[in-house]
Amino acid sequence: MEVQQKISLCPECSACPEVEVLEDEGRPVAVRIGEGGERITLPKAAWNTLVRYVKEGVLTAL
């Protein structure tokens, strides 16, 4: 898998967690979130569920 897109959760520094969209054969397949050795990889279906929950208001800002 290769990193298709990388987004810092704090654009003002390079020490904060990042979101990386991973692709395989040109298609997004997973999302990796975290920093350093503390990372979690969500399969595409789990990521899409998380996005849907945010959009529907099931998950909101803390």
N, C-alpha and C. Protein backbone atom coordinates (compact mmCIF):
# COMPACT_ATOMS: atom_id res chain seq x y z
N MET A 1 0.85 -1.19 0.00
CA MET A 1 0.00 0.00 0.00
C MET A 1 0.89 1.24 0.00
N GLU A 2 0.43 2.25 -0.69
CA GLU A 2 1.15 3.51 -0.77
C GLU A 2 0.27 4.63 -0.23
N VAL A 3 0.89 5.68 0.27
CA VAL A 3 0.15 6.84 0.77
C VAL A 3 -0.31 7.67 -0.42
N GLN A 4 -1.62 7.84 -0.54
CA GLN A 4 -2.21 8.64 -1.63
C GLN A 4 -2.32 10.10 -1.21
N GLN A 5 -2.66 10.33 0.06
CA GLN A 5 -2.88 11.68 0.56
C GLN A 5 -2.48 11.72 2.02
N LYS A 6 -1.87 12.82 2.46
CA LYS A 6 -1.46 12.97 3.85
C LYS A 6 -1.91 14.35 4.33
N ILE A 7 -2.61 14.37 5.47
CA ILE A 7 -3.14 15.63 6.01
C ILE A 7 -2.76 15.70 7.48
N SER A 8 -2.15 16.80 7.89
CA SER A 8 -1.82 17.01 9.29
C SER A 8 -3.06 17.54 10.02
N LEU A 9 -3.29 17.04 11.22
CA LEU A 9 -4.41 17.54 12.01
C LEU A 9 -4.08 18.86 12.68
N CYS A 10 -2.85 19.31 12.53
CA CYS A 10 -2.42 20.63 13.02
C CYS A 10 -1.46 21.19 11.99
N PRO A 11 -1.96 21.97 11.06
CA PRO A 11 -1.11 22.46 9.97
C PRO A 11 -0.02 23.42 10.43
N GLU A 12 -0.01 23.80 11.70
CA GLU A 12 0.98 24.76 12.18
C GLU A 12 2.28 24.11 12.66
N CYS A 13 2.31 22.77 12.72
CA CYS A 13 3.54 22.10 13.13
C CYS A 13 3.62 20.74 12.47
N SER A 14 4.73 20.05 12.69
CA SER A 14 4.89 18.73 12.09
C SER A 14 4.91 17.62 13.13
N ALA A 15 4.54 17.94 14.38
CA ALA A 15 4.58 16.96 15.46
C ALA A 15 3.21 16.41 15.83
N CYS A 16 2.17 16.83 15.14
CA CYS A 16 0.81 16.42 15.48
C CYS A 16 0.38 15.22 14.64
N PRO A 17 -0.70 14.57 15.04
CA PRO A 17 -1.19 13.40 14.28
C PRO A 17 -1.50 13.76 12.82
N GLU A 18 -1.37 12.74 11.98
CA GLU A 18 -1.68 12.88 10.57
C GLU A 18 -2.73 11.86 10.17
N VAL A 19 -3.43 12.18 9.09
CA VAL A 19 -4.36 11.25 8.47
C VAL A 19 -3.77 10.92 7.11
N GLU A 20 -3.55 9.63 6.86
CA GLU A 20 -2.99 9.18 5.59
C GLU A 20 -3.99 8.28 4.89
N VAL A 21 -4.33 8.62 3.66
CA VAL A 21 -5.19 7.77 2.84
C VAL A 21 -4.27 6.82 2.08
N LEU A 22 -4.49 5.52 2.28
CA LEU A 22 -3.64 4.50 1.66
C LEU A 22 -4.33 3.92 0.44
N GLU A 23 -3.55 3.67 -0.58
CA GLU A 23 -4.12 3.11 -1.80
C GLU A 23 -3.39 1.83 -2.19
N ASP A 24 -4.10 1.01 -2.93
CA ASP A 24 -3.54 -0.21 -3.50
C ASP A 24 -4.01 -0.27 -4.94
N GLU A 25 -3.08 -0.34 -5.85
CA GLU A 25 -3.38 -0.35 -7.28
C GLU A 25 -4.22 0.86 -7.70
N GLY A 26 -3.90 2.03 -7.11
CA GLY A 26 -4.57 3.26 -7.48
C GLY A 26 -5.92 3.50 -6.84
N ARG A 27 -6.35 2.62 -5.94
CA ARG A 27 -7.66 2.78 -5.30
C ARG A 27 -7.48 2.94 -3.80
N PRO A 28 -8.22 3.88 -3.17
CA PRO A 28 -8.13 4.02 -1.73
C PRO A 28 -8.66 2.76 -1.04
N VAL A 29 -7.90 2.25 -0.05
CA VAL A 29 -8.30 1.02 0.62
C VAL A 29 -8.34 1.15 2.13
N ALA A 30 -7.68 2.16 2.70
CA ALA A 30 -7.63 2.28 4.15
C ALA A 30 -7.18 3.69 4.52
N VAL A 31 -7.35 4.02 5.81
CA VAL A 31 -6.90 5.30 6.33
C VAL A 31 -6.11 5.03 7.60
N ARG A 32 -4.92 5.62 7.69
CA ARG A 32 -4.08 5.48 8.88
C ARG A 32 -4.08 6.82 9.60
N ILE A 33 -4.31 6.79 10.92
CA ILE A 33 -4.39 8.00 11.73
C ILE A 33 -3.42 7.86 12.89
N GLY A 34 -2.67 8.91 13.19
CA GLY A 34 -1.81 8.90 14.37
C GLY A 34 -0.51 9.62 14.14
N GLU A 35 0.43 9.35 15.05
CA GLU A 35 1.75 9.97 14.97
C GLU A 35 2.78 9.01 15.54
N GLY A 36 3.99 9.09 15.03
CA GLY A 36 5.07 8.22 15.51
C GLY A 36 4.65 6.76 15.48
N GLY A 37 4.88 6.07 16.60
CA GLY A 37 4.52 4.66 16.69
C GLY A 37 3.09 4.43 17.12
N GLU A 38 2.36 5.49 17.35
CA GLU A 38 0.96 5.40 17.79
C GLU A 38 0.04 5.66 16.61
N ARG A 39 -0.25 4.63 15.86
CA ARG A 39 -1.09 4.76 14.67
C ARG A 39 -2.13 3.65 14.65
N ILE A 40 -3.26 3.96 14.05
CA ILE A 40 -4.31 2.97 13.83
C ILE A 40 -4.69 3.02 12.36
N THR A 41 -4.95 1.87 11.78
CA THR A 41 -5.37 1.80 10.38
C THR A 41 -6.81 1.33 10.33
N LEU A 42 -7.65 2.13 9.71
CA LEU A 42 -9.06 1.79 9.53
C LEU A 42 -9.28 1.31 8.10
N PRO A 43 -9.92 0.15 7.93
CA PRO A 43 -10.28 -0.25 6.57
C PRO A 43 -11.26 0.77 5.98
N LYS A 44 -11.36 0.78 4.68
CA LYS A 44 -12.20 1.75 3.98
C LYS A 44 -13.63 1.78 4.52
N ALA A 45 -14.23 0.64 4.79
CA ALA A 45 -15.61 0.60 5.28
C ALA A 45 -15.74 1.26 6.65
N ALA A 46 -14.77 1.03 7.54
CA ALA A 46 -14.82 1.64 8.87
C ALA A 46 -14.64 3.16 8.77
N TRP A 47 -13.73 3.61 7.91
CA TRP A 47 -13.54 5.04 7.71
C TRP A 47 -14.81 5.68 7.18
N ASN A 48 -15.43 5.05 6.19
CA ASN A 48 -16.66 5.61 5.62
C ASN A 48 -17.78 5.67 6.66
N THR A 49 -17.85 4.70 7.55
CA THR A 49 -18.84 4.73 8.63
C THR A 49 -18.55 5.90 9.57
N LEU A 50 -17.30 6.11 9.92
CA LEU A 50 -16.92 7.23 10.77
C LEU A 50 -17.32 8.56 10.13
N VAL A 51 -17.02 8.72 8.86
CA VAL A 51 -17.38 9.96 8.14
C VAL A 51 -18.90 10.14 8.14
N ARG A 52 -19.63 9.06 7.89
CA ARG A 52 -21.09 9.14 7.88
C ARG A 52 -21.63 9.57 9.24
N TYR A 53 -21.08 9.00 10.33
CA TYR A 53 -21.53 9.36 11.68
C TYR A 53 -21.27 10.84 11.98
N VAL A 54 -20.17 11.38 11.51
CA VAL A 54 -19.89 12.80 11.71
C VAL A 54 -20.89 13.64 10.91
N LYS A 55 -21.11 13.28 9.67
CA LYS A 55 -22.04 14.04 8.83
C LYS A 55 -23.48 14.01 9.36
N GLU A 56 -23.87 12.86 9.93
CA GLU A 56 -25.24 12.71 10.44
C GLU A 56 -25.41 13.28 11.85
N GLY A 57 -24.31 13.71 12.47
CA GLY A 57 -24.40 14.28 13.81
C GLY A 57 -24.37 13.25 14.93
N VAL A 58 -24.13 11.97 14.58
CA VAL A 58 -24.01 10.94 15.61
C VAL A 58 -22.76 11.22 16.44
N LEU A 59 -21.68 11.61 15.77
CA LEU A 59 -20.45 12.05 16.43
C LEU A 59 -20.32 13.55 16.23
N THR A 60 -20.07 14.27 17.30
CA THR A 60 -19.96 15.73 17.22
C THR A 60 -18.68 16.18 17.90
N ALA A 61 -18.38 17.45 17.76
CA ALA A 61 -17.18 18.02 18.40
C ALA A 61 -17.30 17.88 19.92
N LEU A 62 -16.16 17.69 20.56
CA LEU A 62 -16.12 17.56 22.01
C LEU A 62 -15.89 18.92 22.66
